[in-house]
PDB file of N, CA and C in Angstrom:
ATOM      1  N   MET A   1     -67.277   4.774 -46.134  1.00  0.00           N
ATOM      2  CA  MET A   1     -66.381   4.880 -45.017  1.00  0.00           C
ATOM      3  C   MET A   1     -67.149   5.420 -43.810  1.00  0.00           C
ATOM      4  N   LEU A   2     -66.873   4.848 -42.658  1.00  0.00           N
ATOM      5  CA  LEU A   2     -67.505   5.275 -41.412  1.00  0.00           C
ATOM      6  C   LEU A   2     -66.840   6.561 -40.923  1.00  0.00           C
ATOM      7  N   LEU A   3     -67.627   7.560 -40.628  1.00  0.00           N
ATOM      8  CA  LEU A   3     -67.122   8.824 -40.092  1.00  0.00           C
ATOM      9  C   LEU A   3     -67.518   8.930 -38.624  1.00  0.00           C
ATOM     10  N   ILE A   4     -66.567   9.353 -37.798  1.00  0.00           N
ATOM     11  CA  ILE A   4     -66.796   9.529 -36.363  1.00  0.00           C
ATOM     12  C   ILE A   4     -66.569  10.995 -36.036  1.00  0.00           C
ATOM     13  N   ASN A   5     -67.470  11.563 -35.253  1.00  0.00           N
ATOM     14  CA  ASN A   5     -67.360  12.965 -34.866  1.00  0.00           C
ATOM     15  C   ASN A   5     -66.562  13.088 -33.575  1.00  0.00           C
ATOM     16  N   CYS A   6     -65.306  13.509 -33.682  1.00  0.00           N
ATOM     17  CA  CYS A   6     -64.490  13.793 -32.499  1.00  0.00           C
ATOM     18  C   CYS A   6     -65.005  15.097 -31.899  1.00  0.00           C
ATOM     19  N   PRO A   7     -65.328  15.139 -30.597  1.00  0.00           N
ATOM     20  CA  PRO A   7     -65.841  16.372 -30.014  1.00  0.00           C
ATOM     21  C   PRO A   7     -64.805  17.505 -29.989  1.00  0.00           C
ATOM     22  N   TYR A   8     -63.547  17.186 -30.250  1.00  0.00           N
ATOM     23  CA  TYR A   8     -62.489  18.191 -30.261  1.00  0.00           C
ATOM     24  C   TYR A   8     -62.100  18.619 -31.685  1.00  0.00           C
ATOM     25  N   CYS A   9     -62.124  17.687 -32.641  1.00  0.00           N
ATOM     26  CA  CYS A   9     -61.613  17.949 -33.996  1.00  0.00           C
ATOM     27  C   CYS A   9     -62.686  17.957 -35.076  1.00  0.00           C
ATOM     28  N   GLY A  10     -63.858  17.445 -34.769  1.00  0.00           N
ATOM     29  CA  GLY A  10     -64.904  17.343 -35.780  1.00  0.00           C
ATOM     30  C   GLY A  10     -64.922  15.962 -36.425  1.00  0.00           C
ATOM     31  N   GLU A  11     -65.629  15.858 -37.516  1.00  0.00           N
ATOM     32  CA  GLU A  11     -65.844  14.577 -38.189  1.00  0.00           C
ATOM     33  C   GLU A  11     -64.581  14.124 -38.918  1.00  0.00           C
ATOM     34  N   ARG A  12     -64.189  12.858 -38.645  1.00  0.00           N
ATOM     35  CA  ARG A  12     -62.991  12.287 -39.247  1.00  0.00           C
ATOM     36  C   ARG A  12     -63.262  10.825 -39.616  1.00  0.00           C
ATOM     37  N   PRO A  13     -62.451  10.248 -40.522  1.00  0.00           N
ATOM     38  CA  PRO A  13     -62.645   8.846 -40.907  1.00  0.00           C
ATOM     39  C   PRO A  13     -62.263   7.884 -39.777  1.00  0.00           C
ATOM     40  N   GLU A  14     -62.963   6.781 -39.734  1.00  0.00           N
ATOM     41  CA  GLU A  14     -62.817   5.788 -38.670  1.00  0.00           C
ATOM     42  C   GLU A  14     -61.393   5.271 -38.466  1.00  0.00           C
ATOM     43  N   PRO A  15     -60.553   5.090 -39.491  1.00  0.00           N
ATOM     44  CA  PRO A  15     -59.192   4.580 -39.232  1.00  0.00           C
ATOM     45  C   PRO A  15     -58.346   5.472 -38.313  1.00  0.00           C
ATOM     46  N   GLU A  16     -58.763   6.710 -38.066  1.00  0.00           N
ATOM     47  CA  GLU A  16     -58.029   7.592 -37.161  1.00  0.00           C
ATOM     48  C   GLU A  16     -58.302   7.290 -35.691  1.00  0.00           C
ATOM     49  N   PHE A  17     -59.267   6.415 -35.404  1.00  0.00           N
ATOM     50  CA  PHE A  17     -59.720   6.183 -34.036  1.00  0.00           C
ATOM     51  C   PHE A  17     -59.430   4.764 -33.563  1.00  0.00           C
ATOM     52  N   VAL A  18     -59.345   4.620 -32.244  1.00  0.00           N
ATOM     53  CA  VAL A  18     -59.177   3.311 -31.617  1.00  0.00           C
ATOM     54  C   VAL A  18     -60.238   3.169 -30.533  1.00  0.00           C
ATOM     55  N   TYR A  19     -60.899   2.014 -30.526  1.00  0.00           N
ATOM     56  CA  TYR A  19     -61.905   1.697 -29.507  1.00  0.00           C
ATOM     57  C   TYR A  19     -61.215   1.517 -28.168  1.00  0.00           C
ATOM     58  N   GLY A  20     -61.790   2.079 -27.105  1.00  0.00           N
ATOM     59  CA  GLY A  20     -61.169   2.011 -25.787  1.00  0.00           C
ATOM     60  C   GLY A  20     -61.977   1.303 -24.729  1.00  0.00           C
ATOM     61  N   GLY A  21     -63.030   0.595 -25.106  1.00  0.00           N
ATOM     62  CA  GLY A  21     -63.813  -0.144 -24.129  1.00  0.00           C
ATOM     63  C   GLY A  21     -65.081   0.574 -23.713  1.00  0.00           C
ATOM     64  N   GLN A  22     -65.740  -0.006 -22.740  1.00  0.00           N
ATOM     65  CA  GLN A  22     -66.999   0.539 -22.243  1.00  0.00           C
ATOM     66  C   GLN A  22     -66.746   1.836 -21.480  1.00  0.00           C
ATOM     67  N   ALA A  23     -67.585   2.813 -21.681  1.00  0.00           N
ATOM     68  CA  ALA A  23     -67.467   4.100 -20.993  1.00  0.00           C
ATOM     69  C   ALA A  23     -68.112   4.035 -19.613  1.00  0.00           C
ATOM     70  N   HIS A  24     -67.768   4.983 -18.782  1.00  0.00           N
ATOM     71  CA  HIS A  24     -68.369   5.201 -17.464  1.00  0.00           C
ATOM     72  C   HIS A  24     -68.105   4.060 -16.480  1.00  0.00           C
ATOM     73  N   ILE A  25     -66.932   3.439 -16.561  1.00  0.00           N
ATOM     74  CA  ILE A  25     -66.523   2.428 -15.588  1.00  0.00           C
ATOM     75  C   ILE A  25     -65.677   3.148 -14.537  1.00  0.00           C
ATOM     76  N   ALA A  26     -66.160   3.197 -13.304  1.00  0.00           N
ATOM     77  CA  ALA A  26     -65.470   3.933 -12.245  1.00  0.00           C
ATOM     78  C   ALA A  26     -64.590   2.993 -11.423  1.00  0.00           C
ATOM     79  N   ARG A  27     -63.335   3.390 -11.257  1.00  0.00           N
ATOM     80  CA  ARG A  27     -62.405   2.631 -10.422  1.00  0.00           C
ATOM     81  C   ARG A  27     -62.855   2.753  -8.965  1.00  0.00           C
ATOM     82  N   PRO A  28     -62.793   1.657  -8.197  1.00  0.00           N
ATOM     83  CA  PRO A  28     -63.171   1.738  -6.783  1.00  0.00           C
ATOM     84  C   PRO A  28     -62.315   2.771  -6.041  1.00  0.00           C
ATOM     85  N   ALA A  29     -62.943   3.527  -5.161  1.00  0.00           N
ATOM     86  CA  ALA A  29     -62.241   4.589  -4.424  1.00  0.00           C
ATOM     87  C   ALA A  29     -61.154   4.016  -3.515  1.00  0.00           C
ATOM     88  N   GLN A  30     -61.424   2.882  -2.898  1.00  0.00           N
ATOM     89  CA  GLN A  30     -60.461   2.229  -2.002  1.00  0.00           C
ATOM     90  C   GLN A  30     -60.162   0.822  -2.528  1.00  0.00           C
ATOM     91  N   PRO A  31     -59.294   0.682  -3.520  1.00  0.00           N
ATOM     92  CA  PRO A  31     -59.048  -0.635  -4.125  1.00  0.00           C
ATOM     93  C   PRO A  31     -58.587  -1.700  -3.135  1.00  0.00           C
ATOM     94  N   ALA A  32     -57.831  -1.305  -2.114  1.00  0.00           N
ATOM     95  CA  ALA A  32     -57.335  -2.284  -1.153  1.00  0.00           C
ATOM     96  C   ALA A  32     -58.458  -2.927  -0.340  1.00  0.00           C
ATOM     97  N   GLY A  33     -59.575  -2.236  -0.205  1.00  0.00           N
ATOM     98  CA  GLY A  33     -60.677  -2.757   0.583  1.00  0.00           C
ATOM     99  C   GLY A  33     -61.715  -3.516  -0.219  1.00  0.00           C
ATOM    100  N   VAL A  34     -61.480  -3.702  -1.494  1.00  0.00           N
ATOM    101  CA  VAL A  34     -62.453  -4.361  -2.371  1.00  0.00           C
ATOM    102  C   VAL A  34     -62.226  -5.872  -2.351  1.00  0.00           C
ATOM    103  N   GLU A  35     -63.314  -6.612  -2.256  1.00  0.00           N
ATOM    104  CA  GLU A  35     -63.236  -8.073  -2.291  1.00  0.00           C
ATOM    105  C   GLU A  35     -62.692  -8.549  -3.641  1.00  0.00           C
ATOM    106  N   ALA A  36     -62.084  -9.713  -3.649  1.00  0.00           N
ATOM    107  CA  ALA A  36     -61.449 -10.249  -4.866  1.00  0.00           C
ATOM    108  C   ALA A  36     -62.445 -10.357  -6.018  1.00  0.00           C
ATOM    109  N   GLN A  37     -63.654 -10.843  -5.755  1.00  0.00           N
ATOM    110  CA  GLN A  37     -64.635 -10.996  -6.830  1.00  0.00           C
ATOM    111  C   GLN A  37     -65.080  -9.642  -7.377  1.00  0.00           C
ATOM    112  N   ASP A  38     -65.253  -8.662  -6.483  1.00  0.00           N
ATOM    113  CA  ASP A  38     -65.628  -7.317  -6.930  1.00  0.00           C
ATOM    114  C   ASP A  38     -64.515  -6.689  -7.763  1.00  0.00           C
ATOM    115  N   TRP A  39     -63.259  -6.930  -7.378  1.00  0.00           N
ATOM    116  CA  TRP A  39     -62.135  -6.406  -8.149  1.00  0.00           C
ATOM    117  C   TRP A  39     -62.061  -7.070  -9.521  1.00  0.00           C
ATOM    118  N   ALA A  40     -62.282  -8.373  -9.560  1.00  0.00           N
ATOM    119  CA  ALA A  40     -62.292  -9.085 -10.845  1.00  0.00           C
ATOM    120  C   ALA A  40     -63.432  -8.579 -11.730  1.00  0.00           C
ATOM    121  N   ASP A  41     -64.589  -8.318 -11.144  1.00  0.00           N
ATOM    122  CA  ASP A  41     -65.712  -7.763 -11.912  1.00  0.00           C
ATOM    123  C   ASP A  41     -65.347  -6.400 -12.487  1.00  0.00           C
ATOM    124  N   TYR A  42     -64.687  -5.550 -11.680  1.00  0.00           N
ATOM    125  CA  TYR A  42     -64.275  -4.237 -12.156  1.00  0.00           C
ATOM    126  C   TYR A  42     -63.294  -4.371 -13.323  1.00  0.00           C
ATOM    127  N   LEU A  43     -62.364  -5.282 -13.229  1.00  0.00           N
ATOM    128  CA  LEU A  43     -61.345  -5.432 -14.269  1.00  0.00           C
ATOM    129  C   LEU A  43     -61.867  -6.076 -15.548  1.00  0.00           C
ATOM    130  N   TYR A  44     -62.744  -7.063 -15.421  1.00  0.00           N
ATOM    131  CA  TYR A  44     -63.067  -7.905 -16.569  1.00  0.00           C
ATOM    132  C   TYR A  44     -64.518  -7.887 -17.036  1.00  0.00           C
ATOM    133  N   ARG A  45     -65.464  -7.599 -16.181  1.00  0.00           N
ATOM    134  CA  ARG A  45     -66.874  -7.643 -16.592  1.00  0.00           C
ATOM    135  C   ARG A  45     -67.280  -6.372 -17.305  1.00  0.00           C
ATOM    136  N   ARG A  46     -67.870  -6.550 -18.462  1.00  0.00           N
ATOM    137  CA  ARG A  46     -68.371  -5.420 -19.235  1.00  0.00           C
ATOM    138  C   ARG A  46     -69.726  -5.800 -19.810  1.00  0.00           C
ATOM    139  N   ASP A  47     -70.549  -4.788 -20.023  1.00  0.00           N
ATOM    140  CA  ASP A  47     -71.842  -5.023 -20.648  1.00  0.00           C
ATOM    141  C   ASP A  47     -71.617  -5.408 -22.106  1.00  0.00           C
ATOM    142  N   ASN A  48     -72.435  -6.295 -22.599  1.00  0.00           N
ATOM    143  CA  ASN A  48     -72.379  -6.695 -24.001  1.00  0.00           C
ATOM    144  C   ASN A  48     -73.801  -6.569 -24.550  1.00  0.00           C
ATOM    145  N   VAL A  49     -74.220  -5.323 -24.681  1.00  0.00           N
ATOM    146  CA  VAL A  49     -75.600  -5.063 -25.040  1.00  0.00           C
ATOM    147  C   VAL A  49     -75.811  -5.087 -26.545  1.00  0.00           C
ATOM    148  N   ARG A  50     -77.008  -5.391 -26.906  1.00  0.00           N
ATOM    149  CA  ARG A  50     -77.429  -5.275 -28.294  1.00  0.00           C
ATOM    150  C   ARG A  50     -78.279  -4.016 -28.359  1.00  0.00           C
ATOM    151  N   GLY A  51     -77.769  -3.020 -29.053  1.00  0.00           N
ATOM    152  CA  GLY A  51     -78.459  -1.738 -29.113  1.00  0.00           C
ATOM    153  C   GLY A  51     -77.504  -0.622 -28.733  1.00  0.00           C
ATOM    154  N   VAL A  52     -78.014   0.394 -28.072  1.00  0.00           N
ATOM    155  CA  VAL A  52     -77.215   1.581 -27.739  1.00  0.00           C
ATOM    156  C   VAL A  52     -76.256   1.262 -26.586  1.00  0.00           C
ATOM    157  N   HIS A  53     -74.990   1.578 -26.807  1.00  0.00           N
ATOM    158  CA  HIS A  53     -73.927   1.254 -25.864  1.00  0.00           C
ATOM    159  C   HIS A  53     -73.016   2.469 -25.702  1.00  0.00           C
ATOM    160  N   ALA A  54     -72.668   2.824 -24.462  1.00  0.00           N
ATOM    161  CA  ALA A  54     -71.730   3.923 -24.198  1.00  0.00           C
ATOM    162  C   ALA A  54     -70.309   3.372 -24.259  1.00  0.00           C
ATOM    163  N   GLU A  55     -69.482   3.959 -25.124  1.00  0.00           N
ATOM    164  CA  GLU A  55     -68.132   3.454 -25.356  1.00  0.00           C
ATOM    165  C   GLU A  55     -67.113   4.580 -25.213  1.00  0.00           C
ATOM    166  N   ARG A  56     -65.874   4.192 -24.922  1.00  0.00           N
ATOM    167  CA  ARG A  56     -64.756   5.133 -24.886  1.00  0.00           C
ATOM    168  C   ARG A  56     -63.975   4.944 -26.183  1.00  0.00           C
ATOM    169  N   TRP A  57     -63.602   6.061 -26.798  1.00  0.00           N
ATOM    170  CA  TRP A  57     -62.811   6.047 -28.030  1.00  0.00           C
ATOM    171  C   TRP A  57     -61.639   7.005 -27.869  1.00  0.00           C
ATOM    172  N   ARG A  58     -60.591   6.793 -28.667  1.00  0.00           N
ATOM    173  CA  ARG A  58     -59.440   7.698 -28.677  1.00  0.00           C
ATOM    174  C   ARG A  58     -59.130   8.094 -30.111  1.00  0.00           C
ATOM    175  N   HIS A  59     -58.930   9.376 -30.321  1.00  0.00           N
ATOM    176  CA  HIS A  59     -58.579   9.897 -31.645  1.00  0.00           C
ATOM    177  C   HIS A  59     -57.055   9.838 -31.776  1.00  0.00           C
ATOM    178  N   THR A  60     -56.527   8.643 -31.981  1.00  0.00           N
ATOM    179  CA  THR A  60     -55.085   8.418 -31.954  1.00  0.00           C
ATOM    180  C   THR A  60     -54.341   9.122 -33.081  1.00  0.00           C
ATOM    181  N   ARG A  61     -54.925   9.204 -34.256  1.00  0.00           N
ATOM    182  CA  ARG A  61     -54.236   9.834 -35.382  1.00  0.00           C
ATOM    183  C   ARG A  61     -54.743  11.259 -35.611  1.00  0.00           C
ATOM    184  N   GLY A  62     -55.157  11.865 -34.527  1.00  0.00           N
ATOM    185  CA  GLY A  62     -55.644  13.250 -34.569  1.00  0.00           C
ATOM    186  C   GLY A  62     -55.157  13.958 -33.324  1.00  0.00           C
ATOM    187  N   CYS A  63     -56.089  14.382 -32.493  1.00  0.00           N
ATOM    188  CA  CYS A  63     -55.737  15.132 -31.291  1.00  0.00           C
ATOM    189  C   CYS A  63     -55.183  14.255 -30.171  1.00  0.00           C
ATOM    190  N   GLY A  64     -55.404  12.923 -30.252  1.00  0.00           N
ATOM    191  CA  GLY A  64     -54.910  12.007 -29.231  1.00  0.00           C
ATOM    192  C   GLY A  64     -55.774  11.917 -27.991  1.00  0.00           C
ATOM    193  N   ARG A  65     -56.884  12.623 -27.963  1.00  0.00           N
ATOM    194  CA  ARG A  65     -57.735  12.662 -26.772  1.00  0.00           C
ATOM    195  C   ARG A  65     -58.753  11.522 -26.749  1.00  0.00           C
ATOM    196  N   PHE A  66     -59.129  11.165 -25.519  1.00  0.00           N
ATOM    197  CA  PHE A  66     -60.224  10.218 -25.316  1.00  0.00           C
ATOM    198  C   PHE A  66     -61.536  10.976 -25.310  1.00  0.00           C
ATOM    199  N   PHE A  67     -62.589  10.304 -25.741  1.00  0.00           N
ATOM    200  CA  PHE A  67     -63.944  10.843 -25.660  1.00  0.00           C
ATOM    201  C   PHE A  67     -64.897   9.672 -25.562  1.00  0.00           C
ATOM    202  N   ASN A  68     -66.145   9.958 -25.243  1.00  0.00           N
ATOM    203  CA  ASN A  68     -67.173   8.926 -25.145  1.00  0.00           C
ATOM    204  C   ASN A  68     -68.121   9.029 -26.327  1.00  0.00           C
ATOM    205  N   ALA A  69     -68.737   7.917 -26.638  1.00  0.00           N
ATOM    206  CA  ALA A  69     -69.684   7.880 -27.752  1.00  0.00           C
ATOM    207  C   ALA A  69     -70.828   6.939 -27.416  1.00  0.00           C
ATOM    208  N   LEU A  70     -71.999   7.263 -27.922  1.00  0.00           N
ATOM    209  CA  LEU A  70     -73.125   6.341 -27.885  1.00  0.00           C
ATOM    210  C   LEU A  70     -73.218   5.737 -29.280  1.00  0.00           C
ATOM    211  N   ARG A  71     -73.110   4.410 -29.338  1.00  0.00           N
ATOM    212  CA  ARG A  71     -73.139   3.724 -30.622  1.00  0.00           C
ATOM    213  C   ARG A  71     -74.163   2.607 -30.564  1.00  0.00           C
ATOM    214  N   ASP A  72     -74.936   2.479 -31.613  1.00  0.00           N
ATOM    215  CA  ASP A  72     -75.901   1.384 -31.732  1.00  0.00           C
ATOM    216  C   ASP A  72     -75.155   0.192 -32.289  1.00  0.00           C
ATOM    217  N   THR A  73     -75.002  -0.848 -31.486  1.00  0.00           N
ATOM    218  CA  THR A  73     -74.220  -2.009 -31.904  1.00  0.00           C
ATOM    219  C   THR A  73     -74.916  -2.840 -32.974  1.00  0.00           C
ATOM    220  N   THR A  74     -76.203  -2.646 -33.173  1.00  0.00           N
ATOM    221  CA  THR A  74     -76.899  -3.408 -34.217  1.00  0.00           C
ATOM    222  C   THR A  74     -76.714  -2.802 -35.594  1.00  0.00           C
ATOM    223  N   THR A  75     -76.470  -1.489 -35.658  1.00  0.00           N
ATOM    224  CA  THR A  75     -76.317  -0.811 -36.949  1.00  0.00           C
ATOM    225  C   THR A  75     -74.932  -0.192 -37.132  1.00  0.00           C
ATOM    226  N   ASP A  76     -74.138  -0.125 -36.060  1.00  0.00           N
ATOM    227  CA  ASP A  76     -72.813   0.493 -36.053  1.00  0.00           C
ATOM    228  C   ASP A  76     -72.872   2.000 -36.258  1.00  0.00           C
ATOM    229  N   HIS A  77     -74.033   2.614 -36.041  1.00  0.00           N
ATOM    230  CA  HIS A  77     -74.175   4.068 -36.166  1.00  0.00           C
ATOM    231  C   HIS A  77     -73.852   4.750 -34.844  1.00  0.00           C
ATOM    232  N   PHE A  78     -73.101   5.840 -34.937  1.00  0.00           N
ATOM    233  CA  PHE A  78     -72.808   6.660 -33.771  1.00  0.00           C
ATOM    234  C   PHE A  78     -73.963   7.639 -33.591  1.00  0.00           C
ATOM    235  N   LEU A  79     -74.591   7.608 -32.419  1.00  0.00           N
ATOM    236  CA  LEU A  79     -75.730   8.477 -32.141  1.00  0.00           C
ATOM    237  C   LEU A  79     -75.296   9.794 -31.521  1.00  0.00           C
ATOM    238  N   ALA A  80     -74.203   9.773 -30.756  1.00  0.00           N
ATOM    239  CA  ALA A  80     -73.698  10.975 -30.110  1.00  0.00           C
ATOM    240  C   ALA A  80     -72.258  10.748 -29.692  1.00  0.00           C
ATOM    241  N   THR A  81     -71.477  11.819 -29.660  1.00  0.00           N
ATOM    242  CA  THR A  81     -70.137  11.794 -29.074  1.00  0.00           C
ATOM    243  C   THR A  81     -70.064  12.954 -28.085  1.00  0.00           C
ATOM    244  N   TYR A  82     -69.296  12.758 -27.019  1.00  0.00           N
ATOM    245  CA  TYR A  82     -69.195  13.779 -25.983  1.00  0.00           C
ATOM    246  C   TYR A  82     -67.885  13.617 -25.221  1.00  0.00           C
ATOM    247  N   LYS A  83     -67.428  14.718 -24.651  1.00  0.00           N
ATOM    248  CA  LYS A  83     -66.152  14.741 -23.948  1.00  0.00           C
ATOM    249  C   LYS A  83     -66.216  13.924 -22.664  1.00  0.00           C
ATOM    250  N   VAL A  84     -65.086  13.347 -22.277  1.00  0.00           N
ATOM    251  CA  VAL A  84     -64.990  12.624 -21.015  1.00  0.00           C
ATOM    252  C   VAL A  84     -65.298  13.606 -19.890  1.00  0.00           C
ATOM    253  N   GLY A  85     -66.107  13.179 -18.953  1.00  0.00           N
ATOM    254  CA  GLY A  85     -66.516  14.033 -17.842  1.00  0.00           C
ATOM    255  C   GLY A  85     -67.873  14.666 -18.040  1.00  0.00           C
ATOM    256  N   GLU A  86     -68.332  14.734 -19.285  1.00  0.00           N
ATOM    257  CA  GLU A  86     -69.675  15.242 -19.551  1.00  0.00           C
ATOM    258  C   GLU A  86     -70.688  14.127 -19.304  1.00  0.00           C
ATOM    259  N   PRO A  87     -71.908  14.473 -18.915  1.00  0.00           N
ATOM    260  CA  PRO A  87     -72.916  13.431 -18.696  1.00  0.00           C
ATOM    261  C   PRO A  87     -73.308  12.749 -19.996  1.00  0.00           C
ATOM    262  N   ARG A  88     -73.725  11.517 -19.860  1.00  0.00           N
ATOM    263  CA  ARG A  88     -74.185  10.753 -21.016  1.00  0.00           C
ATOM    264  C   ARG A  88     -75.461  11.383 -21.558  1.00  0.00           C
ATOM    265  N   PRO A  89     -75.479  11.700 -22.869  1.00  0.00           N
ATOM    266  CA  PRO A  89     -76.698  12.273 -23.461  1.00  0.00           C
ATOM    267  C   PRO A  89     -77.780  11.206 -23.628  1.00  0.00           C
ATOM    268  N   ALA A  90     -78.984  11.660 -23.900  1.00  0.00           N
ATOM    269  CA  ALA A  90     -80.064  10.722 -24.213  1.00  0.00           C
ATOM    270  C   ALA A  90     -79.673   9.931 -25.456  1.00  0.00           C
ATOM    271  N   ALA A  91     -80.251   8.771 -25.652  1.00  0.00           N
ATOM    272  CA  ALA A  91     -79.884   7.889 -26.774  1.00  0.00           C
ATOM    273  C   ALA A  91     -79.955   8.577 -28.114  1.00  0.00           C
ATOM    274  N   GLY A  92     -80.829   9.519 -28.278  1.00  0.00           N
ATOM    275  CA  GLY A  92     -80.933  10.231 -29.539  1.00  0.00           C
ATOM    276  C   GLY A  92     -80.258  11.591 -29.493  1.00  0.00           C
ATOM    277  N   GLY A  93     -79.215  11.718 -28.638  1.00  0.00           N
ATOM    278  CA  GLY A  93     -78.555  13.001 -28.406  1.00  0.00           C
ATOM    279  C   GLY A  93     -77.908  13.592 -29.645  1.00  0.00           C
ATOM    280  N   THR A  94     -77.325  14.755 -29.474  1.00  0.00           N
ATOM    281  CA  THR A  94     -76.710  15.464 -30.590  1.00  0.00           C
ATOM    282  C   THR A  94     -75.337  14.894 -30.885  1.00  0.00           C
ATOM    283  N   ARG A  95     -74.919  15.120 -32.120  1.00  0.00           N
ATOM    284  CA  ARG A  95     -73.586  14.659 -32.530  1.00  0.00           C
ATOM    285  C   ARG A  95     -72.553  15.668 -32.167  1.00  0.00           C
TER     286      ARG A  95
END
């Protein structure tokens, strides 16, 4: 079973979590002034990397909080988890 380390609750089984998309996507400060293509890119374009990827997760069957994680998409291993608002750790960061 895959275990994910919630930065608030500790290590828990994967069925307690829901994937929330790519992490660190910033909403435009002035959405009304954004060109249509730039707005579409913000809404729909996401990186699809092979390797280490920053993702948003939610501990839905636990504390209910969102957090970020660095996950290697080639091995499905979580390299680090960290609270929303904290800077992204190095790829080999702490759990």
